[in-house]
Structure formats: structure tokens, C-alpha cells
Amino acid sequence: MTKTCQWCEKQFTTMSKNQIYCSAECRTNSTKDKISQRYQTTKFKNRIGKERRCAGGCGILLSIYNDDTFCNNCLVNNKKVDKFIKDIKDYFDYEKK
């Protein structure tokens, strides 16, 4: 009997009527993916109803889907951004001369 693998979608001949993966590798990858999805779902569900605030000191509430402990504003190093902008301005001022 020919079936389509539920992981890689390749056609294969089954050894038994219950077989849904073409190889042990596809079965293992599928299992790892299911475990990972279950872990993510559980992690989000455990965060429901709990207040998570940014660890950067700004106190912004974080989403249950945000895996970081910092908000986007605190993740950015303002000194590096300011230096980068200054370097760009200096570059274009140099080109004008």
C-alpha cells in the first residue's frame, strides 16, 4: 500500500497499515516537533494571569508570547545607536567636503 509521509510528504510503501511515516528519521523529527509545540503552548498557558514586567527597569508589561525578560526599548543599547547615527552623519558630512 502506498501512502504519503505525514512529515516529509514523500510517497512510500507501507510495511503495515498503521504506518504514517516513511522512516524512523521522519518519525523522530515529527515527535520532536510535537514535543516542542507542546512545550511552547504550556509555557504560554502558564504565563496567563501572571504579570510579567520588563527587567530593564522601565516596568512595561510583557506579553505572554514574549520569551525575553526585557521589552524592545530596553534591549536596544541607546549609546551604540547614538554612536552609529553620529558615525553616519560624520560620514555624509565628510562626503560633502
N, C-alpha and C. Protein backbone atom coordinates (compact mmCIF):
# COMPACT_ATOMS: atom_id res chain seq x y z
N MET A 1 0.84 -1.18 0.00
CA MET A 1 0.00 0.00 0.00
C MET A 1 0.89 1.24 0.00
N THR A 2 0.56 2.23 -0.84
CA THR A 2 1.35 3.46 -0.94
C THR A 2 0.65 4.57 -0.17
N LYS A 3 1.44 5.28 0.64
CA LYS A 3 0.94 6.41 1.43
C LYS A 3 1.88 7.59 1.28
N THR A 4 1.42 8.73 1.80
CA THR A 4 2.25 9.93 1.84
C THR A 4 2.71 10.13 3.28
N CYS A 5 4.01 10.33 3.45
CA CYS A 5 4.59 10.53 4.78
C CYS A 5 4.01 11.81 5.38
N GLN A 6 3.58 11.74 6.63
CA GLN A 6 2.98 12.90 7.28
C GLN A 6 4.02 13.94 7.69
N TRP A 7 5.29 13.62 7.62
CA TRP A 7 6.34 14.59 7.96
C TRP A 7 6.94 15.22 6.71
N CYS A 8 7.45 14.40 5.80
CA CYS A 8 8.16 14.95 4.63
C CYS A 8 7.31 14.95 3.36
N GLU A 9 6.12 14.37 3.42
CA GLU A 9 5.17 14.31 2.31
C GLU A 9 5.70 13.55 1.10
N LYS A 10 6.61 12.64 1.33
CA LYS A 10 7.15 11.79 0.27
C LYS A 10 6.30 10.52 0.18
N GLN A 11 6.11 10.01 -1.02
CA GLN A 11 5.37 8.77 -1.22
C GLN A 11 6.23 7.59 -0.78
N PHE A 12 5.62 6.61 -0.09
CA PHE A 12 6.35 5.43 0.35
C PHE A 12 5.41 4.23 0.41
N THR A 13 6.00 3.05 0.39
CA THR A 13 5.23 1.82 0.51
C THR A 13 5.24 1.40 1.97
N THR A 14 4.06 1.16 2.53
CA THR A 14 3.94 0.85 3.94
C THR A 14 4.29 -0.60 4.24
N MET A 15 4.81 -0.81 5.45
CA MET A 15 5.08 -2.16 5.92
C MET A 15 3.87 -2.69 6.69
N SER A 16 3.10 -1.76 7.28
CA SER A 16 1.87 -2.13 7.98
C SER A 16 0.82 -1.06 7.69
N LYS A 17 -0.44 -1.37 7.97
CA LYS A 17 -1.50 -0.43 7.62
C LYS A 17 -1.52 0.80 8.52
N ASN A 18 -0.88 0.74 9.69
CA ASN A 18 -0.86 1.87 10.61
C ASN A 18 0.31 2.82 10.38
N GLN A 19 1.22 2.50 9.53
CA GLN A 19 2.42 3.30 9.31
C GLN A 19 2.07 4.64 8.66
N ILE A 20 2.56 5.74 9.24
CA ILE A 20 2.28 7.07 8.70
C ILE A 20 3.54 7.85 8.33
N TYR A 21 4.71 7.33 8.70
CA TYR A 21 5.99 7.98 8.36
C TYR A 21 6.80 7.03 7.49
N CYS A 22 7.58 7.62 6.59
CA CYS A 22 8.36 6.79 5.66
C CYS A 22 9.61 6.20 6.29
N SER A 23 10.10 6.83 7.38
CA SER A 23 11.33 6.34 8.00
C SER A 23 11.34 6.67 9.49
N ALA A 24 12.30 6.08 10.18
CA ALA A 24 12.46 6.36 11.61
C ALA A 24 12.88 7.83 11.81
N GLU A 25 13.64 8.37 10.88
CA GLU A 25 14.08 9.76 10.97
C GLU A 25 12.87 10.72 10.93
N CYS A 26 11.94 10.47 10.01
CA CYS A 26 10.74 11.31 9.94
C CYS A 26 9.89 11.17 11.19
N ARG A 27 9.79 9.96 11.72
CA ARG A 27 9.03 9.73 12.95
C ARG A 27 9.66 10.49 14.12
N THR A 28 10.99 10.43 14.23
CA THR A 28 11.71 11.13 15.29
C THR A 28 11.55 12.64 15.17
N ASN A 29 11.70 13.16 13.95
CA ASN A 29 11.55 14.61 13.74
C ASN A 29 10.14 15.08 14.07
N SER A 30 9.15 14.28 13.70
CA SER A 30 7.77 14.63 13.99
C SER A 30 7.53 14.65 15.50
N THR A 31 8.06 13.67 16.20
CA THR A 31 7.91 13.59 17.65
C THR A 31 8.57 14.79 18.33
N LYS A 32 9.78 15.14 17.89
CA LYS A 32 10.49 16.29 18.46
C LYS A 32 9.70 17.58 18.23
N ASP A 33 9.11 17.71 17.04
CA ASP A 33 8.32 18.89 16.73
C ASP A 33 7.07 18.97 17.61
N LYS A 34 6.40 17.85 17.81
CA LYS A 34 5.20 17.82 18.67
C LYS A 34 5.56 18.18 20.11
N ILE A 35 6.68 17.67 20.60
CA ILE A 35 7.12 17.97 21.96
C ILE A 35 7.42 19.46 22.09
N SER A 36 8.08 20.04 21.09
CA SER A 36 8.42 21.46 21.10
C SER A 36 7.15 22.31 21.11
N GLN A 37 6.18 21.95 20.28
CA GLN A 37 4.92 22.70 20.24
C GLN A 37 4.18 22.61 21.57
N ARG A 38 4.17 21.42 22.18
CA ARG A 38 3.52 21.24 23.47
C ARG A 38 4.20 22.09 24.55
N TYR A 39 5.54 22.15 24.50
CA TYR A 39 6.31 22.95 25.46
C TYR A 39 5.95 24.42 25.33
N GLN A 40 5.91 24.94 24.08
CA GLN A 40 5.58 26.35 23.86
C GLN A 40 4.17 26.66 24.34
N THR A 41 3.22 25.80 24.03
CA THR A 41 1.83 26.00 24.45
C THR A 41 1.72 26.02 25.97
N THR A 42 2.39 25.09 26.62
CA THR A 42 2.37 25.02 28.09
C THR A 42 3.00 26.26 28.70
N LYS A 43 4.09 26.71 28.11
CA LYS A 43 4.79 27.90 28.61
C LYS A 43 3.89 29.12 28.54
N PHE A 44 3.16 29.29 27.41
CA PHE A 44 2.26 30.42 27.28
C PHE A 44 1.09 30.30 28.25
N LYS A 45 0.53 29.11 28.41
CA LYS A 45 -0.60 28.91 29.31
C LYS A 45 -0.20 29.20 30.76
N ASN A 46 1.03 28.85 31.13
CA ASN A 46 1.50 29.10 32.50
C ASN A 46 1.67 30.60 32.78
N ARG A 47 1.83 31.40 31.73
CA ARG A 47 2.01 32.84 31.89
C ARG A 47 0.69 33.59 31.98
N ILE A 48 -0.42 32.94 31.61
CA ILE A 48 -1.72 33.60 31.63
C ILE A 48 -2.07 33.98 33.07
N GLY A 49 -2.48 35.22 33.23
CA GLY A 49 -2.89 35.70 34.54
C GLY A 49 -1.74 36.17 35.42
N LYS A 50 -0.51 35.95 34.97
CA LYS A 50 0.65 36.40 35.74
C LYS A 50 1.18 37.68 35.12
N GLU A 51 1.50 38.63 35.96
CA GLU A 51 2.03 39.90 35.50
C GLU A 51 3.53 39.77 35.29
N ARG A 52 3.97 40.03 34.07
CA ARG A 52 5.40 40.00 33.76
C ARG A 52 5.82 41.40 33.36
N ARG A 53 6.80 41.93 34.06
CA ARG A 53 7.29 43.27 33.78
C ARG A 53 8.72 43.20 33.25
N CYS A 54 9.09 44.20 32.49
CA CYS A 54 10.42 44.30 31.90
C CYS A 54 11.47 44.34 33.00
N ALA A 55 12.52 43.56 32.85
CA ALA A 55 13.59 43.51 33.83
C ALA A 55 14.59 44.65 33.65
N GLY A 56 14.37 45.47 32.62
CA GLY A 56 15.27 46.58 32.35
C GLY A 56 15.04 47.79 33.21
N GLY A 57 14.01 47.76 34.04
CA GLY A 57 13.75 48.86 34.95
C GLY A 57 12.65 49.80 34.48
N CYS A 58 12.17 49.65 33.25
CA CYS A 58 11.12 50.55 32.76
C CYS A 58 9.74 50.15 33.25
N GLY A 59 9.56 48.87 33.59
CA GLY A 59 8.31 48.41 34.17
C GLY A 59 7.19 48.14 33.19
N ILE A 60 7.47 48.12 31.91
CA ILE A 60 6.45 47.84 30.90
C ILE A 60 5.98 46.39 31.04
N LEU A 61 4.66 46.19 30.91
CA LEU A 61 4.11 44.84 30.95
C LEU A 61 4.51 44.08 29.69
N LEU A 62 4.92 42.82 29.85
CA LEU A 62 5.32 41.99 28.72
C LEU A 62 4.19 41.04 28.34
N SER A 63 4.12 40.71 27.07
CA SER A 63 3.12 39.77 26.56
C SER A 63 3.48 38.35 27.00
N ILE A 64 2.47 37.48 27.06
CA ILE A 64 2.73 36.08 27.40
C ILE A 64 3.53 35.41 26.29
N TYR A 65 3.50 35.99 25.10
CA TYR A 65 4.22 35.40 23.96
C TYR A 65 5.65 35.91 23.83
N ASN A 66 6.03 36.89 24.65
CA ASN A 66 7.38 37.44 24.64
C ASN A 66 8.27 36.58 25.53
N ASP A 67 9.21 35.87 24.93
CA ASP A 67 10.10 35.00 25.70
C ASP A 67 11.20 35.77 26.41
N ASP A 68 11.46 37.00 25.96
CA ASP A 68 12.50 37.81 26.58
C ASP A 68 12.02 38.34 27.93
N THR A 69 12.97 38.68 28.76
CA THR A 69 12.62 39.30 30.04
C THR A 69 12.71 40.82 29.95
N PHE A 70 13.11 41.32 28.79
CA PHE A 70 13.23 42.75 28.54
C PHE A 70 12.29 43.17 27.42
N CYS A 71 11.80 44.41 27.47
CA CYS A 71 10.99 44.95 26.36
C CYS A 71 11.94 45.36 25.24
N ASN A 72 11.37 45.69 24.08
CA ASN A 72 12.21 46.07 22.93
C ASN A 72 12.98 47.36 23.20
N ASN A 73 12.41 48.28 23.94
CA ASN A 73 13.09 49.54 24.24
C ASN A 73 14.35 49.30 25.08
N CYS A 74 14.27 48.37 26.02
CA CYS A 74 15.42 48.10 26.89
C CYS A 74 16.46 47.20 26.23
N LEU A 75 16.06 46.45 25.21
CA LEU A 75 17.01 45.60 24.51
C LEU A 75 18.00 46.41 23.67
N VAL A 76 17.56 47.58 23.23
CA VAL A 76 18.39 48.43 22.39
C VAL A 76 19.37 49.19 23.27
N ASN A 77 20.62 49.15 22.90
CA ASN A 77 21.65 49.90 23.62
C ASN A 77 21.69 51.31 23.02
N ASN A 78 21.12 52.27 23.73
CA ASN A 78 21.00 53.63 23.20
C ASN A 78 22.34 54.27 22.90
N LYS A 79 23.36 53.97 23.67
CA LYS A 79 24.68 54.55 23.41
C LYS A 79 25.23 54.08 22.07
N LYS A 80 25.04 52.79 21.78
CA LYS A 80 25.52 52.26 20.49
C LYS A 80 24.73 52.85 19.33
N VAL A 81 23.43 53.01 19.50
CA VAL A 81 22.60 53.61 18.45
C VAL A 81 23.03 55.05 18.20
N ASP A 82 23.22 55.82 19.26
CA ASP A 82 23.64 57.22 19.12
C ASP A 82 25.00 57.31 18.44
N LYS A 83 25.91 56.43 18.80
CA LYS A 83 27.24 56.43 18.17
C LYS A 83 27.13 56.09 16.68
N PHE A 84 26.27 55.13 16.35
CA PHE A 84 26.08 54.73 14.96
C PHE A 84 25.52 55.90 14.15
N ILE A 85 24.54 56.60 14.69
CA ILE A 85 23.94 57.75 14.00
C ILE A 85 24.99 58.85 13.81
N LYS A 86 25.79 59.08 14.83
CA LYS A 86 26.85 60.09 14.74
C LYS A 86 27.86 59.71 13.65
N ASP A 87 28.22 58.43 13.60
CA ASP A 87 29.16 57.96 12.58
C ASP A 87 28.60 58.15 11.17
N ILE A 88 27.31 57.90 11.01
CA ILE A 88 26.68 58.08 9.69
C ILE A 88 26.69 59.56 9.31
N LYS A 89 26.32 60.43 10.27
CA LYS A 89 26.33 61.87 10.00
C LYS A 89 27.73 62.33 9.64
N ASP A 90 28.72 61.87 10.38
CA ASP A 90 30.11 62.24 10.10
C ASP A 90 30.53 61.78 8.71
N TYR A 91 30.09 60.59 8.32
CA TYR A 91 30.43 60.05 7.01
C TYR A 91 29.86 60.93 5.90
N PHE A 92 28.59 61.30 6.02
CA PHE A 92 27.98 62.12 4.98
C PHE A 92 28.51 63.55 5.00
N ASP A 93 28.86 64.09 6.18
CA ASP A 93 29.48 65.41 6.24
C ASP A 93 30.84 65.38 5.55
N TYR A 94 31.57 64.28 5.70
CA TYR A 94 32.89 64.13 5.07
C TYR A 94 32.73 64.07 3.54
N GLU A 95 31.70 63.38 3.08
CA GLU A 95 31.45 63.24 1.62
C GLU A 95 31.11 64.59 0.99
N LYS A 96 30.46 65.48 1.74
CA LYS A 96 30.05 66.78 1.20
C LYS A 96 31.25 67.69 0.97
N LYS A 97 32.32 67.48 1.70
CA LYS A 97 33.51 68.35 1.62
C LYS A 97 34.28 68.13 0.37
